Protein backbone atom coordinates (compact mmCIF):
# COMPACT_ATOMS: atom_id res chain seq x y z
CA MET A 1 0.00 0.00 0.00
CA ASP A 2 1.34 3.42 -1.01
CA ARG A 3 0.57 5.99 1.67
CA GLU A 4 1.18 9.67 1.03
CA ILE A 5 0.91 12.75 3.25
CA VAL A 6 -0.04 16.05 1.65
CA ILE A 7 0.56 19.12 3.81
CA SER A 8 -0.62 22.68 3.34
CA ALA A 9 0.91 24.47 6.30
CA GLU A 10 0.64 28.02 5.00
CA GLY A 11 -1.92 30.58 6.11
CA GLU A 12 -4.01 30.41 9.28
CA GLU A 13 -5.60 27.00 8.66
CA PRO A 14 -3.04 24.19 8.28
CA ARG A 15 -4.40 21.15 6.45
CA VAL A 16 -3.15 17.60 6.17
CA ALA A 17 -4.48 14.98 3.75
CA ILE A 18 -3.71 11.25 3.97
CA VAL A 19 -3.81 9.47 0.60
CA GLU A 20 -3.67 5.67 0.24
CA ASP A 21 -3.15 4.13 -3.20
CA GLY A 22 -4.22 7.39 -4.85
CA GLN A 23 -7.43 7.74 -2.80
CA LEU A 24 -8.05 10.43 -0.20
CA VAL A 25 -8.90 8.64 3.06
CA GLU A 26 -8.45 11.29 5.74
CA ILE A 27 -8.22 15.06 5.93
CA TYR A 28 -7.53 17.22 8.96
CA ILE A 29 -7.97 20.98 9.41
CA GLU A 30 -6.75 23.14 12.29
CA ARG A 31 -8.80 26.33 12.49
CA PRO A 32 -7.48 29.38 14.39
CA LEU A 33 -10.73 29.89 16.32
CA THR A 34 -10.87 26.28 17.46
CA GLN A 35 -7.27 25.52 18.32
CA ARG A 36 -6.85 22.13 19.90
CA ILE A 37 -6.04 22.29 23.61
CA VAL A 38 -6.38 18.59 24.48
CA GLY A 39 -3.00 17.47 25.76
CA ASN A 40 -1.98 20.90 27.06
CA ILE A 41 -0.67 20.93 30.63
CA TYR A 42 -1.51 23.82 32.96
CA LYS A 43 -0.71 24.98 36.45
CA GLY A 44 -4.13 25.77 37.86
CA ARG A 45 -5.79 26.87 41.07
CA VAL A 46 -8.76 25.04 42.62
CA GLU A 47 -11.64 27.53 42.78
CA ASN A 48 -14.49 25.33 44.04
CA VAL A 49 -14.80 21.87 45.56
CA LEU A 50 -18.22 20.22 45.26
CA PRO A 51 -18.53 17.12 47.49
CA GLY A 52 -22.02 16.36 46.16
CA MET A 53 -20.69 16.10 42.60
CA GLN A 54 -17.37 14.56 43.71
CA ALA A 55 -15.65 17.15 41.54
CA ALA A 56 -13.78 20.42 41.63
CA PHE A 57 -13.46 23.41 39.32
CA VAL A 58 -9.95 24.53 38.44
CA ASN A 59 -8.91 27.90 37.02
CA VAL A 60 -6.33 27.18 34.30
CA GLY A 61 -6.60 30.53 32.53
CA LEU A 62 -9.23 29.56 29.97
CA GLU A 63 -12.57 31.30 29.44
CA ARG A 64 -14.30 28.85 31.80
CA ASN A 65 -12.97 26.93 34.77
CA ALA A 66 -12.01 23.33 34.03
CA PHE A 67 -13.83 20.35 35.52
CA LEU A 68 -11.83 17.87 37.65
CA PHE A 69 -13.70 14.69 38.54
CA VAL A 70 -12.65 12.64 41.55
CA ASP A 71 -11.40 9.73 39.42
CA ASP A 72 -9.12 12.12 37.55
CA ALA A 73 -7.88 13.76 40.74
CA GLN A 74 -6.05 10.69 42.07
CA PRO A 75 -3.41 8.42 40.52
CA GLY A 76 -4.75 5.39 38.72
CA ARG A 77 -4.43 3.27 35.60
CA ILE A 78 -3.89 5.24 32.42
CA ALA A 79 -5.52 4.15 29.16
CA ASP A 80 -3.11 3.15 26.43
CA GLU A 81 -2.95 4.85 23.02
CA ASP A 82 -5.50 2.38 21.66
CA GLY A 83 -8.12 3.20 24.28
CA GLY A 84 -7.86 0.29 26.72
CA ALA A 85 -6.13 -0.37 30.03
CA GLU A 86 -2.47 -1.00 29.39
CA ASP A 87 -0.97 -4.46 29.74
CA GLY A 88 1.83 -3.54 32.07
CA GLU A 89 2.63 -3.25 35.72
CA ALA A 90 0.10 -0.65 36.81
CA PRO A 91 -0.51 -0.58 40.56
CA ALA A 92 -3.73 -2.17 41.72
CA PRO A 93 -6.49 0.22 42.77
CA PRO A 94 -6.48 0.99 46.52
CA GLU A 95 -8.68 -1.17 48.71
CA GLY A 96 -11.42 0.19 50.90
CA ARG A 97 -13.85 3.00 50.25
CA PRO A 98 -13.24 5.37 47.31
CA ARG A 99 -11.50 8.58 48.28
CA SER A 100 -13.60 11.74 48.40
CA ILE A 101 -12.78 14.80 46.33
CA THR A 102 -12.36 16.75 49.58
CA GLU A 103 -9.51 14.43 50.56
CA LEU A 104 -7.69 15.06 47.30
CA VAL A 105 -7.93 18.81 46.68
CA HIS A 106 -9.03 21.93 48.52
CA GLU A 107 -9.94 25.48 47.52
CA GLY A 108 -6.93 27.64 46.75
CA GLN A 109 -4.67 24.65 46.10
CA GLU A 110 -2.37 24.84 43.08
CA VAL A 111 -2.45 21.72 40.91
CA ILE A 112 -0.84 20.58 37.65
CA VAL A 113 -3.50 19.24 35.29
CA GLN A 114 -3.82 18.20 31.67
CA ILE A 115 -6.72 18.85 29.30
CA ALA A 116 -8.49 15.53 28.66
CA LYS A 117 -11.54 16.88 26.81
CA GLU A 118 -12.12 20.10 24.88
CA PRO A 119 -14.60 22.66 26.25
CA THR A 120 -18.01 22.50 24.54
CA GLY A 121 -20.84 25.03 24.62
CA THR A 122 -21.18 26.36 28.15
CA LYS A 123 -19.07 23.56 29.64
CA GLY A 124 -15.44 24.05 30.48
CA ALA A 125 -12.69 21.63 29.60
CA ARG A 126 -12.28 18.38 31.51
CA VAL A 127 -8.88 17.92 33.15
CA THR A 128 -6.91 15.16 34.82
CA ARG A 129 -3.93 14.95 37.17
CA ASN A 130 -2.76 11.79 35.40
CA LEU A 131 -0.39 13.44 32.95
CA THR A 132 0.91 11.95 29.69
CA ILE A 133 3.45 13.35 27.24
CA PRO A 134 3.49 11.47 23.91
CA GLY A 135 6.60 10.98 21.80
CA ARG A 136 7.23 9.15 18.55
CA PHE A 137 7.59 5.69 20.10
CA LEU A 138 6.84 6.19 23.79
CA VAL A 139 4.43 7.98 26.10
CA LEU A 140 5.87 9.35 29.35
CA MET A 141 3.64 9.24 32.45
CA PRO A 142 5.01 11.56 35.16
CA THR A 143 2.41 10.51 37.75
CA ALA A 144 2.79 6.73 37.30
CA ASP A 145 5.64 4.26 37.72
CA TYR A 146 5.08 1.24 35.52
CA VAL A 147 5.72 -0.05 32.00
CA GLY A 148 2.97 -0.76 29.48
CA VAL A 149 2.97 -1.98 25.89
CA SER A 150 0.33 -1.19 23.29
CA ARG A 151 -2.21 -3.98 22.85
CA ARG A 152 -1.94 -3.67 19.09
CA ILE A 153 1.50 -5.29 19.24
CA GLN A 154 0.37 -8.92 19.15
CA SER A 155 3.65 -10.84 19.16
CA GLU A 156 4.38 -11.92 22.75
CA GLU A 157 8.09 -12.12 21.98
CA GLU A 158 8.12 -8.55 20.65
CA ARG A 159 6.05 -7.30 23.57
CA GLU A 160 8.50 -8.81 26.03
CA ARG A 161 11.48 -7.35 24.13
CA LEU A 162 9.99 -3.86 24.18
CA LYS A 163 9.03 -4.16 27.84
CA GLN A 164 12.59 -5.09 28.81
CA ILE A 165 13.97 -2.16 26.80
CA ALA A 166 11.50 0.20 28.49
CA HIS A 167 12.59 -1.01 31.93
CA ARG A 168 16.23 -0.36 31.04
CA ILE A 169 15.77 3.14 29.67
CA LYS A 170 13.08 4.63 31.91
CA SER A 171 13.84 6.65 35.03
CA LYS A 172 12.74 5.61 38.48
CA GLY A 173 9.46 7.21 39.52
CA LEU A 174 8.26 7.73 35.95
CA GLY A 175 5.98 5.52 33.88
CA VAL A 176 6.12 4.69 30.17
CA ILE A 177 3.82 3.25 27.52
CA VAL A 178 5.40 1.72 24.43
CA ARG A 179 3.40 2.82 21.38
CA THR A 180 2.35 0.63 18.47
CA VAL A 181 4.83 2.27 16.07
CA ALA A 182 7.70 1.12 18.31
CA GLU A 183 7.29 -2.45 17.03
CA GLY A 184 10.58 -3.58 15.52
CA ARG A 185 12.46 -0.45 16.62
CA SER A 186 15.92 -0.57 18.18
CA GLU A 187 16.77 0.18 21.79
CA GLU A 188 18.75 3.24 20.70
CA GLU A 189 15.71 4.72 18.90
CA LEU A 190 13.55 4.24 22.01
CA ARG A 191 16.30 5.63 24.24
CA GLN A 192 16.52 8.82 22.18
CA ASP A 193 12.74 9.24 22.33
CA TRP A 194 12.79 8.79 26.11
CA LYS A 195 15.58 11.35 26.42
CA TYR A 196 13.46 13.89 24.54
CA LEU A 197 10.37 13.15 26.66
CA LYS A 198 12.27 13.39 29.93
CA GLN A 199 13.77 16.71 28.88
CA THR A 200 10.28 17.97 28.04
CA TRP A 201 8.99 16.91 31.46
CA ASN A 202 11.92 18.61 33.22
CA GLU A 203 11.04 21.84 31.39
CA VAL A 204 7.40 21.49 32.52
CA ARG A 205 8.51 21.03 36.14
CA ALA A 206 10.81 24.06 35.95
CA LYS A 207 8.00 26.23 34.61
CA SER A 208 5.64 25.00 37.31
CA THR A 209 7.94 26.27 40.07
CA ARG A 210 8.65 29.56 38.30
CA LEU A 211 5.22 30.64 37.02
CA PRO A 212 2.20 31.61 39.15
CA ALA A 213 -1.14 29.91 38.55
CA PRO A 214 -2.89 29.93 36.17
CA ALA A 215 -0.19 29.22 33.59
CA LEU A 216 0.34 27.10 30.47
CA LEU A 217 3.23 24.71 31.10
CA TYR A 218 3.15 22.49 28.00
CA LYS A 219 1.40 22.83 24.65
CA ASP A 220 0.73 19.81 22.47
CA LEU A 221 2.21 19.77 18.99
CA SER A 222 0.60 21.50 16.02
CA LEU A 223 -1.40 19.56 13.42
CA VAL A 224 1.57 19.19 11.07
CA GLN A 225 3.92 18.15 13.88
CA ARG A 226 1.43 15.61 15.24
CA THR A 227 1.02 14.19 11.75
CA MET A 228 4.76 13.73 11.37
CA ARG A 229 4.91 12.12 14.81
CA ASP A 230 1.90 9.81 14.50
CA GLN A 231 1.42 9.12 10.77
CA LEU A 232 4.96 8.84 9.47
CA ASN A 233 5.89 5.16 9.15
CA GLU A 234 7.36 2.65 6.70
CA HIS A 235 4.18 2.73 4.58
CA VAL A 236 4.57 6.45 3.75
CA THR A 237 6.20 6.71 0.33
CA ARG A 238 5.93 10.48 -0.21
CA ILE A 239 5.36 13.70 1.72
CA VAL A 240 4.11 16.64 -0.35
CA VAL A 241 4.45 20.17 0.99
CA GLY A 242 4.19 23.65 -0.45
CA VAL A 243 2.37 23.69 -3.81
CA ARG A 244 1.17 27.18 -2.90
CA ARG A 245 4.78 28.25 -2.45
CA GLU A 246 5.68 26.96 -5.91
CA ILE A 247 2.78 28.87 -7.48
CA ARG A 248 3.95 32.05 -5.73
CA ARG A 249 7.50 31.48 -6.96
CA ILE A 250 6.36 31.12 -10.58
CA LEU A 251 4.21 34.26 -10.43
CA ARG A 252 6.96 36.30 -8.76
CA ASN A 253 9.20 35.57 -11.73
CA SER A 254 6.58 36.22 -14.40
CA ASP A 255 4.57 39.11 -15.77
CA GLY A 256 1.65 36.82 -16.58
CA GLU A 257 -1.79 37.95 -15.49
CA ALA A 258 -3.06 34.40 -14.96
CA ILE A 259 -1.84 30.87 -14.44
CA LEU A 260 -3.34 27.39 -14.95
CA VAL A 261 -1.85 24.53 -12.96
CA GLU A 262 -2.83 20.86 -12.88
CA VAL A 263 -2.49 18.78 -9.72
CA HIS A 264 -3.83 15.60 -8.15
CA PRO A 265 -7.52 15.94 -7.06
CA SER A 266 -6.66 15.73 -3.34
CA VAL A 267 -4.14 18.57 -3.72
CA ALA A 268 -6.67 20.57 -5.75
CA ALA A 269 -9.14 20.20 -2.88
CA LEU A 270 -6.68 21.78 -0.46
CA LEU A 271 -5.69 24.56 -2.83
CA ILE A 272 -9.27 25.53 -3.69
CA GLY A 273 -10.87 25.04 -0.27
CA ALA A 274 -14.54 25.08 0.70
CA GLY A 275 -16.38 27.47 -1.60
CA GLY A 276 -13.04 28.52 -3.12
CA VAL A 277 -11.87 30.33 0.03
CA ASN A 278 -8.25 29.18 -0.23
CA LEU A 279 -8.00 30.00 -3.91
CA ARG A 280 -9.36 33.50 -3.36
CA GLU A 281 -6.83 34.04 -0.57
CA LEU A 282 -3.98 32.94 -2.84
CA GLU A 283 -5.19 35.29 -5.57
CA ARG A 284 -5.30 38.19 -3.10
CA GLU A 285 -1.73 37.43 -2.04
CA THR A 286 -0.37 37.23 -5.60
CA GLY A 287 -2.64 39.75 -7.34
CA ARG A 288 -3.11 37.28 -10.21
CA THR A 289 -5.88 35.04 -11.51
CA ILE A 290 -5.23 31.39 -10.70
CA TYR A 291 -6.93 28.35 -12.22
CA ILE A 292 -6.57 24.97 -10.51
CA ARG A 293 -7.39 21.79 -12.40
CA GLY A 294 -7.54 18.40 -10.67
CA SER A 295 -6.51 15.34 -12.65
CA ASP A 296 -5.92 11.73 -11.66
CA SER A 297 -3.22 11.60 -14.31
CA CYS A 298 -1.07 13.74 -11.98
CA HIS A 299 0.75 11.94 -9.22
CA ILE A 300 0.33 13.27 -5.71
CA GLU A 301 3.61 15.22 -5.72
CA GLU A 302 3.28 16.64 -9.24
CA MET A 303 2.28 20.14 -10.28
CA ASN A 304 2.05 20.72 -14.01
CA LEU A 305 2.07 24.26 -15.38
CA ARG A 306 -0.48 24.23 -18.21
CA ALA A 307 -0.71 27.92 -19.10
CA LEU A 308 0.82 31.25 -18.07
CA GLY A 309 0.11 34.60 -19.72
CA ASP A 310 -2.68 37.09 -20.24
CA ARG A 311 -6.00 36.32 -18.61
CA ALA A 312 -7.95 35.79 -21.83
CA SER A 313 -5.60 33.17 -23.24
CA VAL A 314 -5.23 31.30 -19.94
CA GLU A 315 -8.99 31.34 -19.40
CA ALA A 316 -9.52 29.87 -22.86
CA LYS A 317 -7.37 26.89 -21.88
CA ALA A 318 -8.74 26.65 -18.35
CA LEU A 319 -12.39 26.71 -19.40
CA PRO A 320 -12.85 24.08 -22.12
CA VAL A 321 -16.55 24.91 -22.68
CA LYS A 322 -18.74 27.87 -23.57
CA VAL A 323 -22.36 28.75 -22.82
CA GLY A 324 -24.61 27.18 -25.46
CA GLN A 325 -22.05 24.56 -26.47
CA ARG A 326 -23.37 21.00 -26.86
CA LEU A 327 -21.25 18.08 -25.66
CA GLU A 328 -21.60 14.34 -25.45
CA VAL A 329 -20.31 13.27 -22.03
CA LYS A 330 -20.39 10.23 -19.77
CA VAL A 331 -22.11 10.67 -16.41
CA GLU A 332 -19.51 9.36 -13.95
CA GLU A 333 -21.28 9.74 -10.61
CA PRO A 334 -24.10 11.53 -8.80
CA HIS A 335 -23.30 14.91 -7.29
CA VAL A 336 -21.95 14.45 -3.75
CA THR A 337 -24.30 17.03 -2.20
CA ASN A 338 -27.17 16.97 -4.71
CA ALA A 339 -27.85 13.40 -5.79
CA ALA A 340 -30.38 14.54 -8.42
CA ASP A 341 -27.55 16.00 -10.51
CA GLY A 342 -24.87 14.01 -12.29
CA ILE A 343 -21.16 14.74 -12.68
CA ALA A 344 -19.10 14.39 -15.86
CA ARG A 345 -15.62 15.72 -16.60
CA ILE A 346 -13.74 17.13 -19.55
CA GLU A 347 -9.97 17.02 -19.04
CA GLY A 348 -10.53 17.41 -15.31
CA TYR A 349 -13.10 20.19 -15.67
CA VAL A 350 -16.38 19.37 -13.89
CA VAL A 351 -19.70 19.35 -15.76
CA ASP A 352 -22.69 19.45 -13.38
CA ILE A 353 -25.62 17.95 -15.28
CA GLU A 354 -29.06 18.92 -14.01
CA GLY A 355 -31.19 15.79 -13.51
CA GLY A 356 -28.33 13.46 -14.43
CA GLY A 357 -27.97 11.74 -11.07
CA LYS A 358 -30.03 8.69 -12.12
CA ARG A 359 -28.16 8.22 -15.38
CA VAL A 360 -24.71 7.31 -14.11
CA GLY A 361 -22.78 5.32 -16.72
CA GLU A 362 -24.75 6.73 -19.67
CA ARG A 363 -23.47 8.99 -22.41
CA LEU A 364 -25.68 12.03 -22.78
CA LEU A 365 -25.88 15.00 -25.07
CA VAL A 366 -25.89 18.09 -22.86
CA GLU A 367 -25.98 21.82 -23.41
CA VAL A 368 -23.85 24.14 -21.27
CA THR A 369 -26.00 26.75 -19.53
CA LYS A 370 -23.53 28.44 -17.17
CA VAL A 371 -19.74 28.51 -16.99
CA PHE A 372 -17.75 29.08 -13.81
CA ARG A 373 -14.06 28.85 -13.07
CA THR A 374 -14.03 25.37 -11.57
CA TYR A 375 -17.17 23.86 -13.14
CA CYS A 376 -20.04 24.44 -15.53
CA LYS A 377 -23.79 23.75 -15.38
CA ALA A 378 -25.48 21.83 -18.16
CA ARG A 379 -28.90 20.48 -19.07
CA ILE A 380 -29.75 17.23 -20.82
CA VAL A 381 -30.76 17.55 -24.48
CA GLU A 382 -33.59 15.05 -24.86
CA GLY A 383 -33.06 12.48 -27.58
CA GLY A 384 -29.31 12.99 -27.58
CA GLY A 385 -26.57 10.68 -26.36
CA SER A 386 -25.78 7.07 -27.12
CA GLY A 387 -26.78 5.30 -23.88
CA ARG A 388 -24.49 3.12 -21.84
CA GLY A 389 -21.07 2.35 -23.25
CA GLY A 390 -21.64 4.14 -26.56
CA ALA A 391 -18.93 5.90 -28.53
CA ALA A 392 -17.75 9.20 -27.20
CA GLY A 393 -18.56 12.41 -29.03
CA SER A 394 -16.95 15.83 -28.82
CA GLY A 395 -16.00 16.87 -25.30
CA ARG A 396 -15.68 13.30 -24.10
CA ALA A 397 -15.10 13.25 -20.35
CA GLU A 398 -12.97 10.17 -19.65
CA ALA A 399 -10.37 11.95 -17.48
CA ALA A 400 -11.23 11.87 -13.82
CA GLY A 401 -10.41 15.10 -12.10
CA LYS A 402 -11.13 17.81 -9.63
CA ALA A 403 -11.23 17.57 -5.92
CA GLU A 404 -14.79 16.24 -5.85
CA ALA A 405 -13.64 12.74 -6.80
CA ALA A 406 -11.22 12.72 -3.91
CA ALA A 407 -13.71 14.21 -1.50
CA ARG A 408 -16.17 11.35 -2.13
CA ALA A 409 -13.72 8.92 -0.54
CA GLU A 410 -13.42 10.94 2.65
CA PRO A 411 -14.68 9.03 5.70
CA ALA A 412 -17.46 10.73 7.64
CA GLY A 413 -16.23 12.83 10.53
CA LYS A 414 -12.63 13.06 9.31
CA ALA A 415 -12.77 16.64 8.05
CA GLU A 416 -14.63 19.91 8.23
CA ALA A 417 -15.78 19.65 4.52
CA ALA A 418 -12.83 21.68 3.31
CA SER A 419 -12.42 19.45 0.30
CA LYS A 420 -15.99 18.39 -0.47
CA ALA A 421 -17.79 19.08 -3.70
CA GLU A 422 -17.64 22.85 -3.30
CA ALA A 423 -13.96 22.63 -4.13
CA ALA A 424 -14.73 21.32 -7.57
CA GLY A 425 -18.42 21.70 -8.26
CA PRO A 426 -21.29 24.00 -7.33
CA GLY A 427 -20.20 26.39 -4.65
CA GLY A 428 -16.66 26.59 -6.00
CA VAL A 429 -14.92 29.66 -7.41
CA ARG A 430 -17.07 31.32 -10.03
């Protein structure tokens, strides 16, 4: 399996796309107004203790006080990276009655906590005193003292090898979880990762003694950094970064009014953005007109310059159709957000066919009614076309293209719709 990582780290909204065997499978967006705070470590002050709720509210410097439940206020087993209790040497839970929140914290007390759940609506973040600092191969647990190995490592021999290495490299009084990606890694690689994690923890401790509460002591990595840490493995064959930078470089060294570039559909989705927002931003930055064409014939790391010059000539190449023109095209798929319409393509240019959603696989004669920069609208000419599998006429649309094809493969919940159909069809740049 070829696995590729496409990164757009410019501007205020970094984006990362994961592509497997040429298909977009995941996309992540980090928006400035919703910056991730899960994993951040704070020095906070207990503001209220509520025995009836067995919880406390902690001021960590956010808009609302954080919620500390009794189970998160005392040391205990820490879930592994795969969501279950770790197979290691975690201490058994204490016998006798459960401890009360009033025995664990009191008002005015300064505590070091970590964000376990993002704030939502009127609720503040949920925090825990069981801290974890993830690295590439290991997770350091400052409040525990045991070794665990990810359950996804199934070989008992490998599990035992990694556990012995972890015992040798870890410091007394600190706990460690061996992550799934550590399978097959050398002791030296794990030792270097532990050295980095321990240094990070020492910096957190130093800040905690120096800064008054509330204070941020540790911030989790950015989207791009987390991707490199968590997604980079032996299956990744390519990492693609900076197509926007290359477009800027070309335009800086040219007097051309407009440019047409051709890229893989998943890259086109990132460049265009939802409703064309990213493309408009790039045009504002460069002061030029930019046309983006998605094509499956382009590999993930390729960017082909198709036209550069005055706007009229570039537009003629970028827009292969005109209003009133009749074309025979093959309906490739229903529209991703309007199933009644069908989608065809001409050299990567999207043709949105009104009422064509039920005629996927057929060749139809259509008439172009509206032309936009990333797609055109068309209506079916009754009596035209040659049915399923017939010969192609003028304007044949065999080339798959545009970001819409890639966006269809996106699993639900993996993105904020930044590369859905708007990037290539209705709702795109007009």
